[in-house]
N, C-alpha and C. Protein backbone atom coordinates (compact mmCIF):
# COMPACT_ATOMS: atom_id res chain seq x y z
N UNK A 1 126.73 128.05 56.80
CA UNK A 1 126.37 127.26 55.65
C UNK A 1 126.44 125.76 56.00
N UNK A 2 127.50 125.37 56.70
CA UNK A 2 127.65 123.95 57.06
C UNK A 2 126.53 123.48 57.99
N UNK A 3 126.04 124.40 58.81
CA UNK A 3 124.94 124.05 59.72
C UNK A 3 123.69 123.67 58.93
N UNK A 4 123.37 124.46 57.91
CA UNK A 4 122.18 124.16 57.11
C UNK A 4 122.34 122.84 56.37
N UNK A 5 123.52 122.58 55.87
CA UNK A 5 123.77 121.33 55.14
C UNK A 5 123.60 120.13 56.06
N UNK A 6 124.19 120.21 57.25
CA UNK A 6 124.11 119.06 58.16
C UNK A 6 122.67 118.86 58.65
N UNK A 7 121.94 119.94 58.87
CA UNK A 7 120.54 119.79 59.30
C UNK A 7 119.71 119.13 58.21
N UNK A 8 119.88 119.57 56.97
CA UNK A 8 119.13 118.95 55.87
C UNK A 8 119.55 117.50 55.66
N UNK A 9 120.85 117.22 55.82
CA UNK A 9 121.32 115.84 55.66
C UNK A 9 120.77 114.95 56.76
N UNK A 10 120.76 115.43 57.99
CA UNK A 10 120.18 114.64 59.08
C UNK A 10 118.70 114.38 58.84
N UNK A 11 118.00 115.37 58.34
CA UNK A 11 116.59 115.19 58.04
C UNK A 11 116.40 114.18 56.90
N UNK A 12 117.25 114.25 55.88
CA UNK A 12 117.10 113.38 54.72
C UNK A 12 117.35 111.92 55.05
N UNK A 13 118.29 111.66 55.97
CA UNK A 13 118.60 110.27 56.31
C UNK A 13 117.88 109.81 57.57
N UNK A 14 116.88 110.61 58.00
CA UNK A 14 116.09 110.31 59.18
C UNK A 14 116.97 110.19 60.44
N UNK A 15 117.95 111.09 60.54
CA UNK A 15 118.85 111.08 61.69
C UNK A 15 118.60 112.22 62.65
N UNK A 16 117.47 112.90 62.50
CA UNK A 16 117.15 114.04 63.37
C UNK A 16 116.58 113.52 64.69
N UNK A 17 117.47 112.98 65.51
CA UNK A 17 117.07 112.46 66.81
C UNK A 17 116.92 113.61 67.80
N UNK A 18 116.47 113.29 68.99
CA UNK A 18 116.33 114.31 70.03
C UNK A 18 117.68 114.94 70.35
N UNK A 19 118.72 114.14 70.40
CA UNK A 19 120.06 114.67 70.68
C UNK A 19 120.50 115.64 69.59
N UNK A 20 120.27 115.30 68.35
CA UNK A 20 120.66 116.17 67.24
C UNK A 20 119.89 117.48 67.28
N UNK A 21 118.63 117.42 67.61
CA UNK A 21 117.82 118.64 67.68
C UNK A 21 118.28 119.53 68.83
N UNK A 22 118.61 118.93 69.97
CA UNK A 22 119.10 119.71 71.10
C UNK A 22 120.43 120.37 70.77
N UNK A 23 121.33 119.63 70.14
CA UNK A 23 122.63 120.19 69.75
C UNK A 23 122.44 121.31 68.73
N UNK A 24 121.52 121.14 67.80
CA UNK A 24 121.27 122.17 66.80
C UNK A 24 120.74 123.45 67.45
N UNK A 25 119.82 123.31 68.40
CA UNK A 25 119.30 124.50 69.09
C UNK A 25 120.36 125.16 69.95
N UNK A 26 121.24 124.38 70.52
CA UNK A 26 122.36 124.96 71.28
C UNK A 26 123.28 125.75 70.35
N UNK A 27 123.49 125.24 69.14
CA UNK A 27 124.29 125.97 68.15
C UNK A 27 123.62 127.30 67.82
N UNK A 28 122.31 127.28 67.62
CA UNK A 28 121.58 128.51 67.32
C UNK A 28 121.71 129.50 68.48
N UNK A 29 121.62 129.00 69.69
CA UNK A 29 121.77 129.88 70.87
C UNK A 29 123.17 130.50 70.91
N UNK A 30 124.19 129.73 70.55
CA UNK A 30 125.55 130.27 70.52
C UNK A 30 125.70 131.34 69.44
N UNK A 31 125.06 131.15 68.30
CA UNK A 31 125.12 132.16 67.24
C UNK A 31 124.43 133.45 67.67
N UNK A 32 123.30 133.31 68.38
CA UNK A 32 122.60 134.49 68.89
C UNK A 32 123.46 135.21 69.92
N UNK A 33 124.06 134.44 70.83
CA UNK A 33 124.93 135.04 71.84
C UNK A 33 126.13 135.73 71.19
N UNK A 34 126.71 135.10 70.18
CA UNK A 34 127.85 135.69 69.47
C UNK A 34 127.43 137.00 68.81
N UNK A 35 126.27 137.02 68.21
CA UNK A 35 125.78 138.23 67.56
C UNK A 35 125.53 139.34 68.57
N UNK A 36 124.93 138.99 69.70
CA UNK A 36 124.66 140.00 70.73
C UNK A 36 125.94 140.62 71.26
N UNK A 37 126.95 139.79 71.49
CA UNK A 37 128.23 140.33 71.95
C UNK A 37 128.86 141.19 70.86
N UNK A 38 128.75 140.75 69.64
CA UNK A 38 129.37 141.47 68.52
C UNK A 38 128.77 142.86 68.33
N UNK A 39 127.45 142.98 68.45
CA UNK A 39 126.82 144.27 68.20
C UNK A 39 126.74 145.16 69.43
N UNK A 40 127.06 144.62 70.61
CA UNK A 40 127.04 145.46 71.82
C UNK A 40 128.46 145.82 72.24
N UNK A 41 129.08 144.98 73.05
CA UNK A 41 130.39 145.32 73.61
C UNK A 41 131.53 144.99 72.66
N UNK A 42 131.35 143.99 71.82
CA UNK A 42 132.37 143.53 70.88
C UNK A 42 133.67 143.14 71.59
N UNK A 43 133.54 142.50 72.73
CA UNK A 43 134.70 142.05 73.49
C UNK A 43 135.15 140.69 72.96
N UNK A 44 136.35 140.67 72.43
CA UNK A 44 136.87 139.46 71.81
C UNK A 44 137.07 138.35 72.84
N UNK A 45 137.43 138.71 74.06
CA UNK A 45 137.62 137.70 75.10
C UNK A 45 136.33 136.96 75.41
N UNK A 46 135.21 137.58 75.19
CA UNK A 46 133.92 136.93 75.40
C UNK A 46 133.41 136.28 74.12
N UNK A 47 133.65 136.94 73.01
CA UNK A 47 133.12 136.47 71.73
C UNK A 47 133.83 135.20 71.24
N UNK A 48 135.13 135.11 71.45
CA UNK A 48 135.89 133.97 70.94
C UNK A 48 135.46 132.63 71.53
N UNK A 49 135.28 132.51 72.86
CA UNK A 49 134.82 131.22 73.38
C UNK A 49 133.42 130.84 72.91
N UNK A 50 132.56 131.84 72.76
CA UNK A 50 131.21 131.55 72.26
C UNK A 50 131.28 131.00 70.85
N UNK A 51 132.13 131.60 70.02
CA UNK A 51 132.31 131.11 68.66
C UNK A 51 132.88 129.70 68.66
N UNK A 52 133.86 129.43 69.53
CA UNK A 52 134.48 128.11 69.60
C UNK A 52 133.47 127.04 70.02
N UNK A 53 132.61 127.38 70.97
CA UNK A 53 131.58 126.44 71.40
C UNK A 53 130.62 126.15 70.24
N UNK A 54 130.27 127.19 69.48
CA UNK A 54 129.40 127.00 68.32
C UNK A 54 130.04 126.09 67.28
N UNK A 55 131.34 126.28 67.06
CA UNK A 55 132.05 125.41 66.11
C UNK A 55 132.06 123.96 66.60
N UNK A 56 132.27 123.78 67.89
CA UNK A 56 132.27 122.42 68.46
C UNK A 56 130.89 121.78 68.32
N UNK A 57 129.85 122.54 68.54
CA UNK A 57 128.49 122.00 68.40
C UNK A 57 128.19 121.63 66.95
N UNK A 58 128.65 122.46 66.02
CA UNK A 58 128.47 122.14 64.60
C UNK A 58 129.24 120.86 64.25
N UNK A 59 130.44 120.75 64.76
CA UNK A 59 131.22 119.52 64.55
C UNK A 59 130.53 118.30 65.13
N UNK A 60 129.89 118.49 66.29
CA UNK A 60 129.17 117.38 66.91
C UNK A 60 128.00 116.93 66.02
N UNK A 61 127.34 117.88 65.37
CA UNK A 61 126.26 117.51 64.46
C UNK A 61 126.80 116.68 63.29
N UNK A 62 127.96 117.06 62.77
CA UNK A 62 128.56 116.29 61.68
C UNK A 62 128.96 114.89 62.14
N UNK A 63 129.44 114.78 63.37
CA UNK A 63 129.78 113.46 63.92
C UNK A 63 128.52 112.61 64.08
N UNK A 64 127.45 113.23 64.57
CA UNK A 64 126.19 112.49 64.69
C UNK A 64 125.69 112.01 63.33
N UNK A 65 125.84 112.84 62.31
CA UNK A 65 125.46 112.43 60.95
C UNK A 65 126.31 111.26 60.48
N UNK A 66 127.62 111.35 60.67
CA UNK A 66 128.52 110.28 60.24
C UNK A 66 128.21 108.98 60.97
N UNK A 67 127.93 109.08 62.27
CA UNK A 67 127.59 107.87 63.03
C UNK A 67 126.27 107.28 62.57
N UNK A 68 125.32 108.13 62.25
CA UNK A 68 124.02 107.62 61.80
C UNK A 68 124.15 106.92 60.44
N UNK A 69 125.00 107.45 59.58
CA UNK A 69 125.19 106.81 58.29
C UNK A 69 126.01 105.54 58.42
N UNK A 70 127.04 105.55 59.27
CA UNK A 70 127.92 104.39 59.42
C UNK A 70 127.24 103.26 60.19
N UNK A 71 126.49 103.60 61.22
CA UNK A 71 125.84 102.60 62.05
C UNK A 71 124.35 102.94 62.12
N UNK A 72 123.57 102.56 61.12
CA UNK A 72 122.15 102.91 61.15
C UNK A 72 121.42 102.16 62.27
N UNK A 73 120.40 102.77 62.83
CA UNK A 73 119.65 102.09 63.89
C UNK A 73 118.93 100.87 63.34
N UNK A 74 118.84 99.84 64.16
CA UNK A 74 118.24 98.58 63.71
C UNK A 74 116.73 98.56 63.90
N UNK A 75 116.22 99.34 64.81
CA UNK A 75 114.78 99.27 65.09
C UNK A 75 113.99 100.20 64.27
């Protein structure tokens, strides 16, 4: 849910830069990988780091949004 909110917020404030889009797609890739592990082997030792990386990427999107709002680009 937070991913959708941050994506819409970045779009609304014109903060969807190339970096934000790459981070968002990496988050989507981590969710797909997490799902694949969950429905196949369900190995927690593999699933937990994938989930943690996804959380970090989501957090990075929120940081990018906060930076864009706090320090808007001048050009």
